[in-house]
Amino acid sequence: MLSRINLALFSFILLSLCSSILYATEPQNLQITKDILGKYHDSGAYEQDLDEVGYQAQAYLAEVIAEQQKQKSKGKLAVVFDIDETVLSNYAYMQKLNFGGTSNEIVNLIEEGKSPAIPVTLALYQQAGKAQIYVFFITGRKDTAGVRKNTADNLHAAGFDKYESLILKPVNYKPTVSTYKTAARKKITDQGYHIVLNIGDQMSDLNGGYADRTYKLPNPYYYIP
């Protein structure tokens, strides 16, 4: 009797597995997904979503500045920015590669240093600078002489011309971007700065602490763990 029950259970499980294989749902066609990404940008929805987060960050920073002025604080307040899809937009390059391309093709285009500013985060940067809050850029771009120069030149051309430090990822760094950026913020904190705001387009830009408030900008185009 027991063997018949086991046989029936085995048959049920086998049929269930076969059914799930035979009737698996086909993922959405890749080209349709790419078309949706393009429409999200071209419709203005992407910019609206950027603005929504950016305005929240600006409102919070205004509160911090007001409190600082009220207390006449002499503390070394700081704001941390990611770069790609946070202060600089690489959308034209992503579109050129039809939201594909090899990692080398993408990096080579980005490192041309011609990416335009994202207006809402440029305004946030200017707000921080006007209040004499220190600005740090922490990027996952590799720290080579050429990349550093092109990145600095691009930031300057886009209006981000004054900041405390531009931090790039060491070339042979093995851990995740999240680990690298957390360590970079810790180092800033250890130097006596108080990071009041950290903004980026990936959770790996924000995870790990060492900031009073974090703001996640939308980015459906790529993912960095």
C-alpha atoms as a PDB file:
ATOM      1  CA  MET A   1       0.000   0.000   0.000  1.00  0.00           C
ATOM      2  CA  LEU A   2       2.800   2.385   0.960  1.00  0.00           C
ATOM      3  CA  SER A   3       4.701   1.679  -2.243  1.00  0.00           C
ATOM      4  CA  ARG A   4       1.605   2.520  -4.301  1.00  0.00           C
ATOM      5  CA  ILE A   5       1.256   5.842  -2.485  1.00  0.00           C
ATOM      6  CA  ASN A   6       4.915   6.638  -3.095  1.00  0.00           C
ATOM      7  CA  LEU A   7       4.558   5.674  -6.758  1.00  0.00           C
ATOM      8  CA  ALA A   8       1.494   7.895  -7.118  1.00  0.00           C
ATOM      9  CA  LEU A   9       3.295  10.805  -5.440  1.00  0.00           C
ATOM     10  CA  PHE A  10       6.325  10.327  -7.667  1.00  0.00           C
ATOM     11  CA  SER A  11       4.092  10.267 -10.747  1.00  0.00           C
ATOM     12  CA  PHE A  12       2.349  13.470  -9.645  1.00  0.00           C
ATOM     13  CA  ILE A  13       5.648  15.281  -9.109  1.00  0.00           C
ATOM     14  CA  LEU A  14       6.988  14.070 -12.455  1.00  0.00           C
ATOM     15  CA  LEU A  15       3.856  15.218 -14.280  1.00  0.00           C
ATOM     16  CA  SER A  16       4.029  18.598 -12.539  1.00  0.00           C
ATOM     17  CA  LEU A  17       7.629  19.081 -13.599  1.00  0.00           C
ATOM     18  CA  CYS A  18       6.885  18.059 -17.162  1.00  0.00           C
ATOM     19  CA  SER A  19       3.932  20.433 -17.276  1.00  0.00           C
ATOM     20  CA  SER A  20       6.020  23.332 -16.030  1.00  0.00           C
ATOM     21  CA  ILE A  21       8.579  22.614 -18.751  1.00  0.00           C
ATOM     22  CA  LEU A  22       6.036  22.113 -21.501  1.00  0.00           C
ATOM     23  CA  TYR A  23       3.966  25.148 -20.587  1.00  0.00           C
ATOM     24  CA  ALA A  24       6.713  27.591 -19.490  1.00  0.00           C
ATOM     25  CA  THR A  25       5.906  31.244 -20.175  1.00  0.00           C
ATOM     26  CA  GLU A  26       8.062  32.755 -22.902  1.00  0.00           C
ATOM     27  CA  PRO A  27       9.849  35.936 -21.751  1.00  0.00           C
ATOM     28  CA  GLN A  28       9.009  39.178 -23.493  1.00  0.00           C
ATOM     29  CA  ASN A  29      10.816  39.606 -26.788  1.00  0.00           C
ATOM     30  CA  LEU A  30      14.091  41.489 -26.335  1.00  0.00           C
ATOM     31  CA  GLN A  31      13.391  44.009 -29.093  1.00  0.00           C
ATOM     32  CA  ILE A  32      10.023  44.849 -27.556  1.00  0.00           C
ATOM     33  CA  THR A  33      11.792  45.481 -24.237  1.00  0.00           C
ATOM     34  CA  LYS A  34      14.297  47.747 -25.972  1.00  0.00           C
ATOM     35  CA  ASP A  35      11.455  49.661 -27.635  1.00  0.00           C
ATOM     36  CA  ILE A  36       9.844  50.171 -24.226  1.00  0.00           C
ATOM     37  CA  LEU A  37      13.120  51.536 -22.856  1.00  0.00           C
ATOM     38  CA  GLY A  38      13.319  53.998 -25.734  1.00  0.00           C
ATOM     39  CA  LYS A  39       9.738  55.157 -25.262  1.00  0.00           C
ATOM     40  CA  TYR A  40      10.289  55.580 -21.526  1.00  0.00           C
ATOM     41  CA  HIS A  41      13.079  58.046 -22.306  1.00  0.00           C
ATOM     42  CA  ASP A  42      11.579  59.787 -25.331  1.00  0.00           C
ATOM     43  CA  SER A  43       8.160  60.318 -23.733  1.00  0.00           C
ATOM     44  CA  GLY A  44       9.728  62.414 -20.982  1.00  0.00           C
ATOM     45  CA  ALA A  45       8.753  59.912 -18.289  1.00  0.00           C
ATOM     46  CA  TYR A  46      12.382  59.116 -17.476  1.00  0.00           C
ATOM     47  CA  GLU A  47      13.225  62.794 -16.961  1.00  0.00           C
ATOM     48  CA  GLN A  48      10.121  63.241 -14.812  1.00  0.00           C
ATOM     49  CA  ASP A  49      11.163  60.329 -12.620  1.00  0.00           C
ATOM     50  CA  LEU A  50      14.688  61.747 -12.331  1.00  0.00           C
ATOM     51  CA  ASP A  51      13.261  65.107 -11.356  1.00  0.00           C
ATOM     52  CA  GLU A  52      10.978  63.614  -8.724  1.00  0.00           C
ATOM     53  CA  VAL A  53      13.897  62.025  -6.877  1.00  0.00           C
ATOM     54  CA  GLY A  54      16.160  65.016  -7.470  1.00  0.00           C
ATOM     55  CA  TYR A  55      13.616  67.459  -6.044  1.00  0.00           C
ATOM     56  CA  GLN A  56      13.281  65.298  -2.934  1.00  0.00           C
ATOM     57  CA  ALA A  57      17.059  65.390  -2.496  1.00  0.00           C
ATOM     58  CA  GLN A  58      17.096  69.168  -2.994  1.00  0.00           C
ATOM     59  CA  ALA A  59      14.352  69.645  -0.395  1.00  0.00           C
ATOM     60  CA  TYR A  60      16.218  67.533   2.136  1.00  0.00           C
ATOM     61  CA  LEU A  61      19.497  69.345   1.480  1.00  0.00           C
ATOM     62  CA  ALA A  62      17.702  72.688   1.949  1.00  0.00           C
ATOM     63  CA  GLU A  63      16.610  71.472   5.400  1.00  0.00           C
ATOM     64  CA  VAL A  64      20.184  70.490   6.243  1.00  0.00           C
ATOM     65  CA  ILE A  65      21.503  73.867   5.098  1.00  0.00           C
ATOM     66  CA  ALA A  66      18.860  75.747   7.090  1.00  0.00           C
ATOM     67  CA  GLU A  67      19.694  73.780  10.212  1.00  0.00           C
ATOM     68  CA  GLN A  68      23.386  74.366   9.676  1.00  0.00           C
ATOM     69  CA  GLN A  69      22.835  78.129   9.362  1.00  0.00           C
ATOM     70  CA  LYS A  70      20.585  78.131  12.413  1.00  0.00           C
ATOM     71  CA  GLN A  71      23.220  76.416  14.516  1.00  0.00           C
ATOM     72  CA  LYS A  72      26.081  78.271  12.817  1.00  0.00           C
ATOM     73  CA  SER A  73      27.708  74.867  12.448  1.00  0.00           C
ATOM     74  CA  LYS A  74      31.350  74.626  11.431  1.00  0.00           C
ATOM     75  CA  GLY A  75      31.094  70.898  10.614  1.00  0.00           C
ATOM     76  CA  LYS A  76      32.495  69.502   7.387  1.00  0.00           C
ATOM     77  CA  LEU A  77      29.233  68.494   5.718  1.00  0.00           C
ATOM     78  CA  ALA A  78      29.523  66.524   2.482  1.00  0.00           C
ATOM     79  CA  VAL A  79      27.426  65.207  -0.384  1.00  0.00           C
ATOM     80  CA  VAL A  80      28.421  62.119  -2.394  1.00  0.00           C
ATOM     81  CA  PHE A  81      27.466  61.713  -6.041  1.00  0.00           C
ATOM     82  CA  ASP A  82      27.801  58.730  -8.346  1.00  0.00           C
ATOM     83  CA  ILE A  83      28.625  59.769 -11.931  1.00  0.00           C
ATOM     84  CA  ASP A  84      27.088  57.631 -14.699  1.00  0.00           C
ATOM     85  CA  GLU A  85      23.298  58.091 -14.958  1.00  0.00           C
ATOM     86  CA  THR A  86      23.501  60.221 -11.812  1.00  0.00           C
ATOM     87  CA  VAL A  87      25.222  63.440 -12.842  1.00  0.00           C
ATOM     88  CA  LEU A  88      26.146  62.502 -16.422  1.00  0.00           C
ATOM     89  CA  SER A  89      23.798  60.869 -18.931  1.00  0.00           C
ATOM     90  CA  ASN A  90      25.120  58.156 -21.246  1.00  0.00           C
ATOM     91  CA  TYR A  91      21.754  57.594 -22.897  1.00  0.00           C
ATOM     92  CA  ALA A  92      22.970  58.618 -26.369  1.00  0.00           C
ATOM     93  CA  TYR A  93      25.654  55.937 -26.190  1.00  0.00           C
ATOM     94  CA  MET A  94      23.224  53.281 -24.960  1.00  0.00           C
ATOM     95  CA  GLN A  95      20.842  54.187 -27.790  1.00  0.00           C
ATOM     96  CA  LYS A  96      23.679  54.055 -30.326  1.00  0.00           C
ATOM     97  CA  LEU A  97      24.423  50.478 -29.226  1.00  0.00           C
ATOM     98  CA  ASN A  98      20.693  49.614 -29.200  1.00  0.00           C
ATOM     99  CA  PHE A  99      20.906  48.944 -25.455  1.00  0.00           C
ATOM    100  CA  GLY A 100      23.497  46.254 -26.108  1.00  0.00           C
ATOM    101  CA  GLY A 101      27.144  46.166 -27.113  1.00  0.00           C
ATOM    102  CA  THR A 102      30.127  44.641 -25.405  1.00  0.00           C
ATOM    103  CA  SER A 103      31.469  46.013 -22.135  1.00  0.00           C
ATOM    104  CA  ASN A 104      34.498  47.358 -24.011  1.00  0.00           C
ATOM    105  CA  GLU A 105      32.313  49.179 -26.547  1.00  0.00           C
ATOM    106  CA  ILE A 106      30.275  50.771 -23.782  1.00  0.00           C
ATOM    107  CA  VAL A 107      33.331  51.797 -21.767  1.00  0.00           C
ATOM    108  CA  ASN A 108      35.087  53.232 -24.826  1.00  0.00           C
ATOM    109  CA  LEU A 109      32.094  55.407 -25.681  1.00  0.00           C
ATOM    110  CA  ILE A 110      31.601  56.639 -22.132  1.00  0.00           C
ATOM    111  CA  GLU A 111      35.275  57.424 -21.779  1.00  0.00           C
ATOM    112  CA  GLU A 112      35.133  59.774 -24.749  1.00  0.00           C
ATOM    113  CA  GLY A 113      34.105  62.307 -22.127  1.00  0.00           C
ATOM    114  CA  LYS A 114      31.178  63.897 -23.961  1.00  0.00           C
ATOM    115  CA  SER A 115      28.244  62.918 -21.746  1.00  0.00           C
ATOM    116  CA  PRO A 116      25.864  65.786 -20.878  1.00  0.00           C
ATOM    117  CA  ALA A 117      24.792  66.756 -17.367  1.00  0.00           C
ATOM    118  CA  ILE A 118      21.560  65.522 -15.835  1.00  0.00           C
ATOM    119  CA  PRO A 119      19.887  68.868 -15.003  1.00  0.00           C
ATOM    120  CA  VAL A 120      18.259  67.983 -11.688  1.00  0.00           C
ATOM    121  CA  THR A 121      21.471  66.634 -10.147  1.00  0.00           C
ATOM    122  CA  LEU A 122      23.473  69.535 -11.564  1.00  0.00           C
ATOM    123  CA  ALA A 123      21.084  71.794  -9.626  1.00  0.00           C
ATOM    124  CA  LEU A 124      21.645  69.680  -6.494  1.00  0.00           C
ATOM    125  CA  TYR A 125      25.401  69.995  -6.958  1.00  0.00           C
ATOM    126  CA  GLN A 126      25.113  73.757  -7.347  1.00  0.00           C
ATOM    127  CA  GLN A 127      22.925  73.932  -4.247  1.00  0.00           C
ATOM    128  CA  ALA A 128      25.589  72.122  -2.226  1.00  0.00           C
ATOM    129  CA  GLY A 129      28.376  74.294  -3.581  1.00  0.00           C
ATOM    130  CA  LYS A 130      26.541  77.526  -2.824  1.00  0.00           C
ATOM    131  CA  ALA A 131      26.161  76.408   0.803  1.00  0.00           C
ATOM    132  CA  GLN A 132      29.869  75.467   0.942  1.00  0.00           C
ATOM    133  CA  ILE A 133      29.081  71.793   1.425  1.00  0.00           C
ATOM    134  CA  TYR A 134      31.884  69.531   0.261  1.00  0.00           C
ATOM    135  CA  VAL A 135      31.224  67.436  -2.855  1.00  0.00           C
ATOM    136  CA  PHE A 136      32.709  64.017  -3.553  1.00  0.00           C
ATOM    137  CA  PHE A 137      32.281  61.900  -6.684  1.00  0.00           C
ATOM    138  CA  ILE A 138      32.617  58.131  -6.271  1.00  0.00           C
ATOM    139  CA  THR A 139      32.455  56.194  -9.531  1.00  0.00           C
ATOM    140  CA  GLY A 140      32.917  52.612 -10.629  1.00  0.00           C
ATOM    141  CA  ARG A 141      35.018  53.778 -13.569  1.00  0.00           C
ATOM    142  CA  LYS A 142      38.518  52.287 -13.477  1.00  0.00           C
ATOM    143  CA  ASP A 143      41.291  54.491 -12.151  1.00  0.00           C
ATOM    144  CA  THR A 144      43.664  54.803 -15.084  1.00  0.00           C
ATOM    145  CA  ALA A 145      45.336  58.049 -16.121  1.00  0.00           C
ATOM    146  CA  GLY A 146      43.258  58.325 -19.291  1.00  0.00           C
ATOM    147  CA  VAL A 147      39.937  57.572 -17.641  1.00  0.00           C
ATOM    148  CA  ARG A 148      40.630  59.979 -14.778  1.00  0.00           C
ATOM    149  CA  LYS A 149      41.497  62.810 -17.173  1.00  0.00           C
ATOM    150  CA  ASN A 150      38.515  62.194 -19.474  1.00  0.00           C
ATOM    151  CA  THR A 151      36.162  61.933 -16.499  1.00  0.00           C
ATOM    152  CA  ALA A 152      37.459  65.124 -14.901  1.00  0.00           C
ATOM    153  CA  ASP A 153      37.256  66.956 -18.243  1.00  0.00           C
ATOM    154  CA  ASN A 154      33.707  65.708 -18.828  1.00  0.00           C
ATOM    155  CA  LEU A 155      32.595  66.776 -15.346  1.00  0.00           C
ATOM    156  CA  HIS A 156      34.120  70.214 -15.851  1.00  0.00           C
ATOM    157  CA  ALA A 157      32.508  70.666 -19.279  1.00  0.00           C
ATOM    158  CA  ALA A 158      29.119  69.619 -17.876  1.00  0.00           C
ATOM    159  CA  GLY A 159      29.286  72.176 -15.055  1.00  0.00           C
ATOM    160  CA  PHE A 160      30.690  70.057 -12.213  1.00  0.00           C
ATOM    161  CA  ASP A 161      33.911  72.023 -11.963  1.00  0.00           C
ATOM    162  CA  LYS A 162      34.502  72.285  -8.205  1.00  0.00           C
ATOM    163  CA  TYR A 163      34.649  69.347  -5.821  1.00  0.00           C
ATOM    164  CA  GLU A 164      36.721  67.955  -3.017  1.00  0.00           C
ATOM    165  CA  SER A 165      37.674  64.647  -4.635  1.00  0.00           C
ATOM    166  CA  LEU A 166      37.047  62.398  -7.649  1.00  0.00           C
ATOM    167  CA  ILE A 167      37.312  58.779  -6.509  1.00  0.00           C
ATOM    168  CA  LEU A 168      37.675  56.033  -9.141  1.00  0.00           C
ATOM    169  CA  LYS A 169      37.792  52.277  -8.599  1.00  0.00           C
ATOM    170  CA  PRO A 170      41.301  50.750  -8.510  1.00  0.00           C
ATOM    171  CA  VAL A 171      41.994  48.767 -11.689  1.00  0.00           C
ATOM    172  CA  ASN A 172      42.606  45.434  -9.957  1.00  0.00           C
ATOM    173  CA  TYR A 173      39.904  45.807  -7.301  1.00  0.00           C
ATOM    174  CA  LYS A 174      38.178  42.431  -6.857  1.00  0.00           C
ATOM    175  CA  PRO A 175      35.214  42.921  -4.472  1.00  0.00           C
ATOM    176  CA  THR A 176      31.842  44.257  -5.621  1.00  0.00           C
ATOM    177  CA  VAL A 177      31.168  47.882  -6.514  1.00  0.00           C
ATOM    178  CA  SER A 178      28.970  48.107  -3.427  1.00  0.00           C
ATOM    179  CA  THR A 179      31.887  47.061  -1.204  1.00  0.00           C
ATOM    180  CA  TYR A 180      34.243  49.504  -2.924  1.00  0.00           C
ATOM    181  CA  LYS A 181      31.858  52.449  -2.577  1.00  0.00           C
ATOM    182  CA  THR A 182      31.068  51.684   1.054  1.00  0.00           C
ATOM    183  CA  ALA A 183      34.794  51.658   1.839  1.00  0.00           C
ATOM    184  CA  ALA A 184      35.247  54.948  -0.027  1.00  0.00           C
ATOM    185  CA  ARG A 185      32.493  56.631   2.009  1.00  0.00           C
ATOM    186  CA  LYS A 186      33.969  55.244   5.226  1.00  0.00           C
ATOM    187  CA  LYS A 187      37.317  56.773   4.300  1.00  0.00           C
ATOM    188  CA  ILE A 188      35.653  60.147   3.698  1.00  0.00           C
ATOM    189  CA  THR A 189      33.965  59.883   7.092  1.00  0.00           C
ATOM    190  CA  ASP A 190      37.234  58.888   8.754  1.00  0.00           C
ATOM    191  CA  GLN A 191      38.762  62.084   7.355  1.00  0.00           C
ATOM    192  CA  GLY A 192      36.306  64.109   9.396  1.00  0.00           C
ATOM    193  CA  TYR A 193      33.533  64.749   6.876  1.00  0.00           C
ATOM    194  CA  HIS A 194      29.865  64.175   7.679  1.00  0.00           C
ATOM    195  CA  ILE A 195      28.051  62.788   4.629  1.00  0.00           C
ATOM    196  CA  VAL A 196      24.528  64.147   4.785  1.00  0.00           C
ATOM    197  CA  LEU A 197      23.386  62.890   1.379  1.00  0.00           C
ATOM    198  CA  ASN A 198      24.404  60.124  -1.026  1.00  0.00           C
ATOM    199  CA  ILE A 199      22.758  59.892  -4.458  1.00  0.00           C
ATOM    200  CA  GLY A 200      23.124  57.332  -7.238  1.00  0.00           C
ATOM    201  CA  ASP A 201      21.252  55.262  -9.813  1.00  0.00           C
ATOM    202  CA  GLN A 202      22.189  51.816  -8.443  1.00  0.00           C
ATOM    203  CA  MET A 203      21.602  50.287  -5.031  1.00  0.00           C
ATOM    204  CA  SER A 204      25.316  49.440  -5.066  1.00  0.00           C
ATOM    205  CA  ASP A 205      25.913  53.211  -4.963  1.00  0.00           C
ATOM    206  CA  LEU A 206      23.905  53.504  -1.773  1.00  0.00           C
ATOM    207  CA  ASN A 207      24.204  50.297   0.265  1.00  0.00           C
ATOM    208  CA  GLY A 208      26.551  50.081   3.217  1.00  0.00           C
ATOM    209  CA  GLY A 209      25.777  53.200   5.218  1.00  0.00           C
ATOM    210  CA  TYR A 210      28.037  56.185   5.925  1.00  0.00           C
ATOM    211  CA  ALA A 211      25.385  58.711   4.816  1.00  0.00           C
ATOM    212  CA  ASP A 212      22.451  60.277   6.632  1.00  0.00           C
ATOM    213  CA  ARG A 213      20.119  60.020   3.652  1.00  0.00           C
ATOM    214  CA  THR A 214      20.263  58.146   0.335  1.00  0.00           C
ATOM    215  CA  TYR A 215      18.407  58.810  -2.919  1.00  0.00           C
ATOM    216  CA  LYS A 216      17.984  56.231  -5.690  1.00  0.00           C
ATOM    217  CA  LEU A 217      17.554  57.638  -9.207  1.00  0.00           C
ATOM    218  CA  PRO A 218      15.746  55.525 -11.816  1.00  0.00           C
ATOM    219  CA  ASN A 219      17.828  53.456 -14.230  1.00  0.00           C
ATOM    220  CA  PRO A 220      16.105  50.642 -16.147  1.00  0.00           C
ATOM    221  CA  TYR A 221      18.980  50.452 -18.650  1.00  0.00           C
ATOM    222  CA  TYR A 222      21.601  48.430 -16.768  1.00  0.00           C
ATOM    223  CA  TYR A 223      22.343  46.908 -13.372  1.00  0.00           C
ATOM    224  CA  ILE A 224      25.543  46.988 -11.322  1.00  0.00           C
ATOM    225  CA  PRO A 225      25.657  44.704  -8.236  1.00  0.00           C
END
